[in-house]
Amino acid sequence: MTARTAACSCGQLSVTVKGEPRGVGLCHCLACQQRTGSAFAYLASFSEPYEVNGQATEYVRVGDAGAAFRFRFCPKCGTTVYHTEEGVGGGISIAVGAFADPDFPPPSVSVYDCRRHGWLTLPDGVTAFAKDPD
């Protein structure tokens, strides 16, 4: 079984997952744009078990549909590494960039496409949703 480790820039905070991602996607919501400092978030979700090493600072953000997301980031370098959804167990979402793996699987979905920057073209085969389909 494949094991992958995602880590912050300074290496203090890491999370190790096993197996293939449940899903890989892009989020263009304005909150993710602000959180990442980029035009979108590139995320991969994994099932339990996962192992977190290091200390994390947390920030809870409530999404458009009322779901609460608990983001964990490194208190030393500020890198957002992963998040979970309040009340939804069994998994974790990890910032793909934290894997530092240019061969990581590409996204298959794009959410909040209504807020995607006009210059950004999605790869072939990506299913786009105007908002979050959940």
N, C-alpha and C. Protein backbone atom coordinates (compact mmCIF):
# COMPACT_ATOMS: atom_id res chain seq x y z
N MET A 1 0.85 -1.17 0.00
CA MET A 1 0.00 0.00 0.00
C MET A 1 0.90 1.24 0.00
N THR A 2 0.56 2.18 -0.84
CA THR A 2 1.34 3.41 -0.96
C THR A 2 1.17 4.28 0.28
N ALA A 3 2.29 4.76 0.80
CA ALA A 3 2.26 5.73 1.91
C ALA A 3 2.80 7.04 1.38
N ARG A 4 2.15 8.13 1.75
CA ARG A 4 2.58 9.47 1.35
C ARG A 4 2.65 10.35 2.59
N THR A 5 3.65 11.23 2.60
CA THR A 5 3.78 12.18 3.70
C THR A 5 3.74 13.59 3.15
N ALA A 6 2.87 14.40 3.73
CA ALA A 6 2.77 15.82 3.39
C ALA A 6 3.36 16.59 4.56
N ALA A 7 4.08 17.67 4.28
CA ALA A 7 4.73 18.43 5.35
C ALA A 7 4.70 19.91 5.04
N CYS A 8 4.84 20.69 6.10
CA CYS A 8 4.93 22.14 5.96
C CYS A 8 6.31 22.52 5.42
N SER A 9 6.51 23.78 5.15
CA SER A 9 7.78 24.26 4.58
C SER A 9 8.97 23.99 5.48
N CYS A 10 8.81 24.12 6.79
CA CYS A 10 9.95 23.93 7.70
C CYS A 10 10.08 22.49 8.18
N GLY A 11 9.08 21.64 7.89
CA GLY A 11 9.13 20.24 8.27
C GLY A 11 8.64 19.92 9.67
N GLN A 12 8.23 20.90 10.43
CA GLN A 12 7.78 20.70 11.80
C GLN A 12 6.46 19.95 11.87
N LEU A 13 5.54 20.18 10.93
CA LEU A 13 4.21 19.56 10.90
C LEU A 13 4.10 18.66 9.68
N SER A 14 3.71 17.41 9.90
CA SER A 14 3.53 16.50 8.78
C SER A 14 2.35 15.58 9.04
N VAL A 15 1.84 15.01 7.97
CA VAL A 15 0.77 14.02 8.07
C VAL A 15 1.08 12.93 7.05
N THR A 16 0.96 11.67 7.50
CA THR A 16 1.21 10.53 6.63
C THR A 16 -0.10 9.79 6.42
N VAL A 17 -0.37 9.47 5.16
CA VAL A 17 -1.58 8.74 4.77
C VAL A 17 -1.17 7.50 4.01
N LYS A 18 -2.09 6.54 3.94
CA LYS A 18 -1.83 5.31 3.20
C LYS A 18 -2.91 5.12 2.16
N GLY A 19 -2.52 4.54 1.03
CA GLY A 19 -3.48 4.27 -0.02
C GLY A 19 -3.63 5.44 -0.98
N GLU A 20 -4.49 5.23 -1.95
CA GLU A 20 -4.75 6.26 -2.95
C GLU A 20 -5.78 7.25 -2.42
N PRO A 21 -5.76 8.47 -2.93
CA PRO A 21 -6.75 9.46 -2.48
C PRO A 21 -8.18 9.03 -2.84
N ARG A 22 -9.13 9.39 -1.96
CA ARG A 22 -10.55 9.17 -2.27
C ARG A 22 -10.98 10.08 -3.40
N GLY A 23 -10.35 11.26 -3.43
CA GLY A 23 -10.66 12.24 -4.46
C GLY A 23 -9.59 13.31 -4.48
N VAL A 24 -9.44 13.93 -5.65
CA VAL A 24 -8.49 15.04 -5.82
C VAL A 24 -9.24 16.14 -6.55
N GLY A 25 -9.20 17.34 -6.01
CA GLY A 25 -9.98 18.40 -6.63
C GLY A 25 -9.41 19.79 -6.42
N LEU A 26 -10.04 20.71 -7.11
CA LEU A 26 -9.71 22.13 -7.00
C LEU A 26 -10.91 22.84 -6.37
N CYS A 27 -10.63 23.84 -5.55
CA CYS A 27 -11.69 24.68 -4.99
C CYS A 27 -11.36 26.12 -5.31
N HIS A 28 -12.31 26.82 -5.93
CA HIS A 28 -12.12 28.20 -6.33
C HIS A 28 -12.90 29.18 -5.45
N CYS A 29 -13.42 28.70 -4.30
CA CYS A 29 -14.18 29.62 -3.44
C CYS A 29 -13.26 30.74 -2.97
N LEU A 30 -13.85 31.86 -2.65
CA LEU A 30 -13.05 33.02 -2.25
C LEU A 30 -12.28 32.77 -0.96
N ALA A 31 -12.86 31.98 -0.06
CA ALA A 31 -12.16 31.66 1.19
C ALA A 31 -10.90 30.85 0.93
N CYS A 32 -10.96 29.90 0.01
CA CYS A 32 -9.76 29.12 -0.33
C CYS A 32 -8.74 29.99 -1.05
N GLN A 33 -9.21 30.91 -1.86
CA GLN A 33 -8.27 31.82 -2.52
C GLN A 33 -7.52 32.65 -1.48
N GLN A 34 -8.24 33.16 -0.50
CA GLN A 34 -7.59 33.95 0.56
C GLN A 34 -6.68 33.07 1.42
N ARG A 35 -7.16 31.87 1.76
CA ARG A 35 -6.39 30.97 2.63
C ARG A 35 -5.08 30.55 2.01
N THR A 36 -5.10 30.26 0.70
CA THR A 36 -3.89 29.77 0.04
C THR A 36 -3.03 30.89 -0.52
N GLY A 37 -3.62 32.07 -0.73
CA GLY A 37 -2.88 33.14 -1.39
C GLY A 37 -2.72 32.87 -2.86
N SER A 38 -3.54 31.98 -3.40
CA SER A 38 -3.48 31.59 -4.81
C SER A 38 -4.88 31.74 -5.42
N ALA A 39 -5.01 31.37 -6.67
CA ALA A 39 -6.29 31.48 -7.36
C ALA A 39 -7.22 30.31 -7.03
N PHE A 40 -6.71 29.28 -6.38
CA PHE A 40 -7.51 28.10 -6.04
C PHE A 40 -6.76 27.24 -5.03
N ALA A 41 -7.48 26.31 -4.42
CA ALA A 41 -6.87 25.30 -3.56
C ALA A 41 -6.85 23.98 -4.32
N TYR A 42 -5.79 23.23 -4.17
CA TYR A 42 -5.61 21.92 -4.80
C TYR A 42 -5.53 20.92 -3.67
N LEU A 43 -6.57 20.09 -3.50
CA LEU A 43 -6.74 19.25 -2.33
C LEU A 43 -6.91 17.78 -2.69
N ALA A 44 -6.47 16.92 -1.79
CA ALA A 44 -6.69 15.48 -1.92
C ALA A 44 -7.29 14.97 -0.62
N SER A 45 -8.32 14.15 -0.73
CA SER A 45 -8.93 13.59 0.48
C SER A 45 -8.53 12.13 0.61
N PHE A 46 -8.32 11.72 1.86
CA PHE A 46 -7.90 10.36 2.17
C PHE A 46 -8.75 9.82 3.31
N SER A 47 -8.94 8.51 3.32
CA SER A 47 -9.63 7.84 4.42
C SER A 47 -8.67 7.62 5.56
N GLU A 48 -9.22 7.42 6.75
CA GLU A 48 -8.40 7.02 7.89
C GLU A 48 -7.80 5.64 7.60
N PRO A 49 -6.73 5.27 8.23
CA PRO A 49 -6.01 6.01 9.26
C PRO A 49 -5.01 6.99 8.65
N TYR A 50 -4.66 7.99 9.43
CA TYR A 50 -3.60 8.91 9.07
C TYR A 50 -2.85 9.27 10.36
N GLU A 51 -1.60 9.68 10.20
CA GLU A 51 -0.78 9.99 11.36
C GLU A 51 -0.24 11.41 11.24
N VAL A 52 -0.50 12.22 12.26
CA VAL A 52 -0.03 13.60 12.31
C VAL A 52 1.17 13.67 13.25
N ASN A 53 2.22 14.35 12.82
CA ASN A 53 3.40 14.58 13.65
C ASN A 53 3.68 16.06 13.71
N GLY A 54 3.98 16.57 14.91
CA GLY A 54 4.27 17.98 15.08
C GLY A 54 3.08 18.72 15.66
N GLN A 55 3.30 20.00 15.89
CA GLN A 55 2.27 20.86 16.46
C GLN A 55 1.56 21.63 15.35
N ALA A 56 0.26 21.83 15.53
CA ALA A 56 -0.53 22.58 14.55
C ALA A 56 -1.34 23.66 15.25
N THR A 57 -1.51 24.76 14.57
CA THR A 57 -2.45 25.80 14.98
C THR A 57 -3.70 25.57 14.14
N GLU A 58 -4.87 25.85 14.71
CA GLU A 58 -6.13 25.58 14.02
C GLU A 58 -6.91 26.85 13.74
N TYR A 59 -7.65 26.80 12.65
CA TYR A 59 -8.56 27.88 12.30
C TYR A 59 -9.83 27.23 11.76
N VAL A 60 -10.99 27.58 12.32
CA VAL A 60 -12.26 27.03 11.86
C VAL A 60 -12.96 28.06 10.98
N ARG A 61 -13.36 27.60 9.80
CA ARG A 61 -14.08 28.46 8.87
C ARG A 61 -15.38 27.77 8.52
N VAL A 62 -16.47 28.53 8.47
CA VAL A 62 -17.77 28.00 8.10
C VAL A 62 -18.00 28.29 6.62
N GLY A 63 -18.31 27.23 5.86
CA GLY A 63 -18.53 27.35 4.42
C GLY A 63 -19.91 27.90 4.09
N ASP A 64 -20.15 28.11 2.82
CA ASP A 64 -21.41 28.68 2.34
C ASP A 64 -22.63 27.87 2.77
N ALA A 65 -22.49 26.54 2.83
CA ALA A 65 -23.62 25.68 3.18
C ALA A 65 -23.71 25.42 4.68
N GLY A 66 -22.85 26.07 5.48
CA GLY A 66 -22.91 25.93 6.93
C GLY A 66 -21.97 24.91 7.53
N ALA A 67 -21.23 24.17 6.72
CA ALA A 67 -20.28 23.19 7.24
C ALA A 67 -19.07 23.91 7.83
N ALA A 68 -18.57 23.38 8.94
CA ALA A 68 -17.39 23.96 9.58
C ALA A 68 -16.16 23.13 9.23
N PHE A 69 -15.13 23.80 8.75
CA PHE A 69 -13.88 23.16 8.36
C PHE A 69 -12.78 23.62 9.32
N ARG A 70 -12.04 22.64 9.87
CA ARG A 70 -10.96 22.93 10.81
C ARG A 70 -9.64 22.78 10.08
N PHE A 71 -9.03 23.93 9.74
CA PHE A 71 -7.75 23.96 9.03
C PHE A 71 -6.61 23.91 10.02
N ARG A 72 -5.59 23.10 9.71
CA ARG A 72 -4.40 23.00 10.56
C ARG A 72 -3.20 23.51 9.80
N PHE A 73 -2.44 24.37 10.45
CA PHE A 73 -1.26 24.93 9.81
C PHE A 73 -0.12 24.99 10.82
N CYS A 74 1.08 25.10 10.30
CA CYS A 74 2.28 25.11 11.14
C CYS A 74 2.41 26.45 11.85
N PRO A 75 2.59 26.45 13.18
CA PRO A 75 2.74 27.71 13.90
C PRO A 75 4.09 28.38 13.67
N LYS A 76 5.06 27.64 13.10
CA LYS A 76 6.38 28.22 12.84
C LYS A 76 6.45 28.87 11.46
N CYS A 77 6.05 28.14 10.41
CA CYS A 77 6.21 28.67 9.04
C CYS A 77 4.89 29.10 8.40
N GLY A 78 3.75 28.74 9.00
CA GLY A 78 2.45 29.17 8.51
C GLY A 78 1.84 28.34 7.40
N THR A 79 2.50 27.28 6.97
CA THR A 79 1.97 26.45 5.88
C THR A 79 0.71 25.71 6.31
N THR A 80 -0.37 25.84 5.53
CA THR A 80 -1.56 25.04 5.75
C THR A 80 -1.28 23.65 5.20
N VAL A 81 -1.44 22.63 6.04
CA VAL A 81 -1.12 21.27 5.62
C VAL A 81 -2.38 20.44 5.40
N TYR A 82 -3.37 20.53 6.31
CA TYR A 82 -4.55 19.67 6.16
C TYR A 82 -5.75 20.29 6.85
N HIS A 83 -6.92 19.70 6.56
CA HIS A 83 -8.14 20.10 7.27
C HIS A 83 -9.11 18.94 7.36
N THR A 84 -10.04 19.07 8.29
CA THR A 84 -11.12 18.11 8.46
C THR A 84 -12.42 18.89 8.51
N GLU A 85 -13.52 18.18 8.30
CA GLU A 85 -14.84 18.81 8.37
C GLU A 85 -15.49 18.41 9.68
N GLU A 86 -15.94 19.40 10.44
CA GLU A 86 -16.59 19.14 11.73
C GLU A 86 -17.80 18.23 11.54
N GLY A 87 -17.92 17.21 12.40
CA GLY A 87 -19.06 16.31 12.35
C GLY A 87 -18.98 15.25 11.28
N VAL A 88 -17.91 15.25 10.48
CA VAL A 88 -17.73 14.25 9.43
C VAL A 88 -16.42 13.53 9.72
N GLY A 89 -16.51 12.33 10.23
CA GLY A 89 -15.31 11.58 10.57
C GLY A 89 -14.85 10.70 9.42
N GLY A 90 -13.74 10.06 9.66
CA GLY A 90 -13.27 9.07 8.70
C GLY A 90 -12.33 9.55 7.63
N GLY A 91 -11.99 10.82 7.63
CA GLY A 91 -11.12 11.28 6.56
C GLY A 91 -10.44 12.59 6.84
N ILE A 92 -9.59 12.95 5.91
CA ILE A 92 -8.77 14.15 6.01
C ILE A 92 -8.56 14.69 4.60
N SER A 93 -8.47 16.01 4.47
CA SER A 93 -8.13 16.64 3.20
C SER A 93 -6.78 17.31 3.36
N ILE A 94 -5.91 17.10 2.39
CA ILE A 94 -4.54 17.59 2.48
C ILE A 94 -4.23 18.47 1.28
N ALA A 95 -3.52 19.57 1.54
CA ALA A 95 -3.07 20.45 0.46
C ALA A 95 -2.05 19.67 -0.38
N VAL A 96 -2.35 19.48 -1.66
CA VAL A 96 -1.50 18.67 -2.52
C VAL A 96 -0.07 19.21 -2.57
N GLY A 97 0.09 20.51 -2.55
CA GLY A 97 1.43 21.08 -2.57
C GLY A 97 2.29 20.63 -1.40
N ALA A 98 1.68 20.27 -0.27
CA ALA A 98 2.43 19.82 0.89
C ALA A 98 3.09 18.46 0.66
N PHE A 99 2.66 17.74 -0.36
CA PHE A 99 3.31 16.47 -0.70
C PHE A 99 4.62 16.70 -1.46
N ALA A 100 4.77 17.88 -2.05
CA ALA A 100 5.97 18.20 -2.84
C ALA A 100 6.26 17.08 -3.85
N ASP A 101 5.21 16.67 -4.58
CA ASP A 101 5.31 15.56 -5.53
C ASP A 101 4.71 15.99 -6.86
N PRO A 102 5.55 16.33 -7.85
CA PRO A 102 5.01 16.76 -9.14
C PRO A 102 4.27 15.66 -9.90
N ASP A 103 4.38 14.40 -9.45
CA ASP A 103 3.68 13.29 -10.09
C ASP A 103 2.38 12.94 -9.37
N PHE A 104 1.95 13.79 -8.43
CA PHE A 104 0.71 13.52 -7.69
C PHE A 104 -0.45 13.47 -8.69
N PRO A 105 -1.45 12.61 -8.45
CA PRO A 105 -2.59 12.51 -9.37
C PRO A 105 -3.26 13.86 -9.62
N PRO A 106 -3.71 14.08 -10.85
CA PRO A 106 -4.36 15.35 -11.20
C PRO A 106 -5.77 15.43 -10.61
N PRO A 107 -6.35 16.63 -10.59
CA PRO A 107 -7.71 16.76 -10.07
C PRO A 107 -8.72 16.14 -11.02
N SER A 108 -9.83 15.67 -10.42
CA SER A 108 -10.93 15.14 -11.24
C SER A 108 -12.17 16.01 -11.13
N VAL A 109 -12.22 16.88 -10.10
CA VAL A 109 -13.35 17.78 -9.92
C VAL A 109 -12.87 19.19 -9.62
N SER A 110 -13.74 20.15 -9.90
CA SER A 110 -13.50 21.56 -9.62
C SER A 110 -14.78 22.11 -9.02
N VAL A 111 -14.70 22.62 -7.78
CA VAL A 111 -15.88 23.17 -7.13
C VAL A 111 -15.77 24.69 -7.02
N TYR A 112 -16.92 25.32 -6.88
CA TYR A 112 -17.04 26.78 -6.90
C TYR A 112 -16.44 27.35 -8.19
N ASP A 113 -16.77 26.66 -9.27
CA ASP A 113 -16.29 27.10 -10.57
C ASP A 113 -16.84 28.48 -10.93
N CYS A 114 -17.93 28.87 -10.29
CA CYS A 114 -18.50 30.20 -10.53
C CYS A 114 -17.55 31.30 -10.08
N ARG A 115 -16.55 30.96 -9.26
CA ARG A 115 -15.58 31.93 -8.77
C ARG A 115 -14.17 31.70 -9.33
N ARG A 116 -14.09 30.80 -10.32
CA ARG A 116 -12.79 30.52 -10.95
C ARG A 116 -12.34 31.73 -11.74
N HIS A 117 -11.07 32.07 -11.64
CA HIS A 117 -10.50 33.18 -12.41
C HIS A 117 -10.65 32.89 -13.90
N GLY A 118 -11.05 33.91 -14.65
CA GLY A 118 -11.34 33.75 -16.07
C GLY A 118 -10.19 33.25 -16.92
N TRP A 119 -8.96 33.51 -16.52
CA TRP A 119 -7.79 33.09 -17.28
C TRP A 119 -7.43 31.63 -17.05
N LEU A 120 -8.03 31.00 -16.01
CA LEU A 120 -7.67 29.65 -15.62
C LEU A 120 -8.47 28.62 -16.40
N THR A 121 -7.78 27.80 -17.17
CA THR A 121 -8.40 26.73 -17.95
C THR A 121 -8.23 25.41 -17.22
N LEU A 122 -9.30 24.66 -17.06
CA LEU A 122 -9.24 23.38 -16.37
C LEU A 122 -8.69 22.30 -17.30
N PRO A 123 -7.97 21.33 -16.75
CA PRO A 123 -7.49 20.22 -17.56
C PRO A 123 -8.66 19.40 -18.13
N ASP A 124 -8.42 18.73 -19.23
CA ASP A 124 -9.43 17.85 -19.81
C ASP A 124 -9.84 16.79 -18.79
N GLY A 125 -11.12 16.47 -18.77
CA GLY A 125 -11.64 15.43 -17.91
C GLY A 125 -12.04 15.88 -16.52
N VAL A 126 -11.84 17.14 -16.17
CA VAL A 126 -12.23 17.64 -14.86
C VAL A 126 -13.71 18.01 -14.89
N THR A 127 -14.50 17.48 -13.94
CA THR A 127 -15.90 17.81 -13.84
C THR A 127 -16.03 19.07 -12.99
N ALA A 128 -16.67 20.09 -13.53
CA ALA A 128 -16.80 21.37 -12.85
C ALA A 128 -18.21 21.54 -12.28
N PHE A 129 -18.27 22.03 -11.06
CA PHE A 129 -19.52 22.32 -10.37
C PHE A 129 -19.55 23.82 -10.04
N ALA A 130 -20.66 24.48 -10.31
CA ALA A 130 -20.78 25.91 -10.04
C ALA A 130 -20.53 26.22 -8.57
N LYS A 131 -21.04 25.37 -7.69
CA LYS A 131 -20.84 25.50 -6.24
C LYS A 131 -20.34 24.14 -5.74
N ASP A 132 -20.51 23.88 -4.44
CA ASP A 132 -20.14 22.60 -3.88
C ASP A 132 -21.32 21.63 -4.08
N PRO A 133 -21.10 20.48 -4.72
CA PRO A 133 -22.22 19.58 -5.02
C PRO A 133 -22.77 18.84 -3.81
N ASP A 134 -22.09 18.88 -2.66
CA ASP A 134 -22.56 18.14 -1.47
C ASP A 134 -23.74 18.77 -0.84
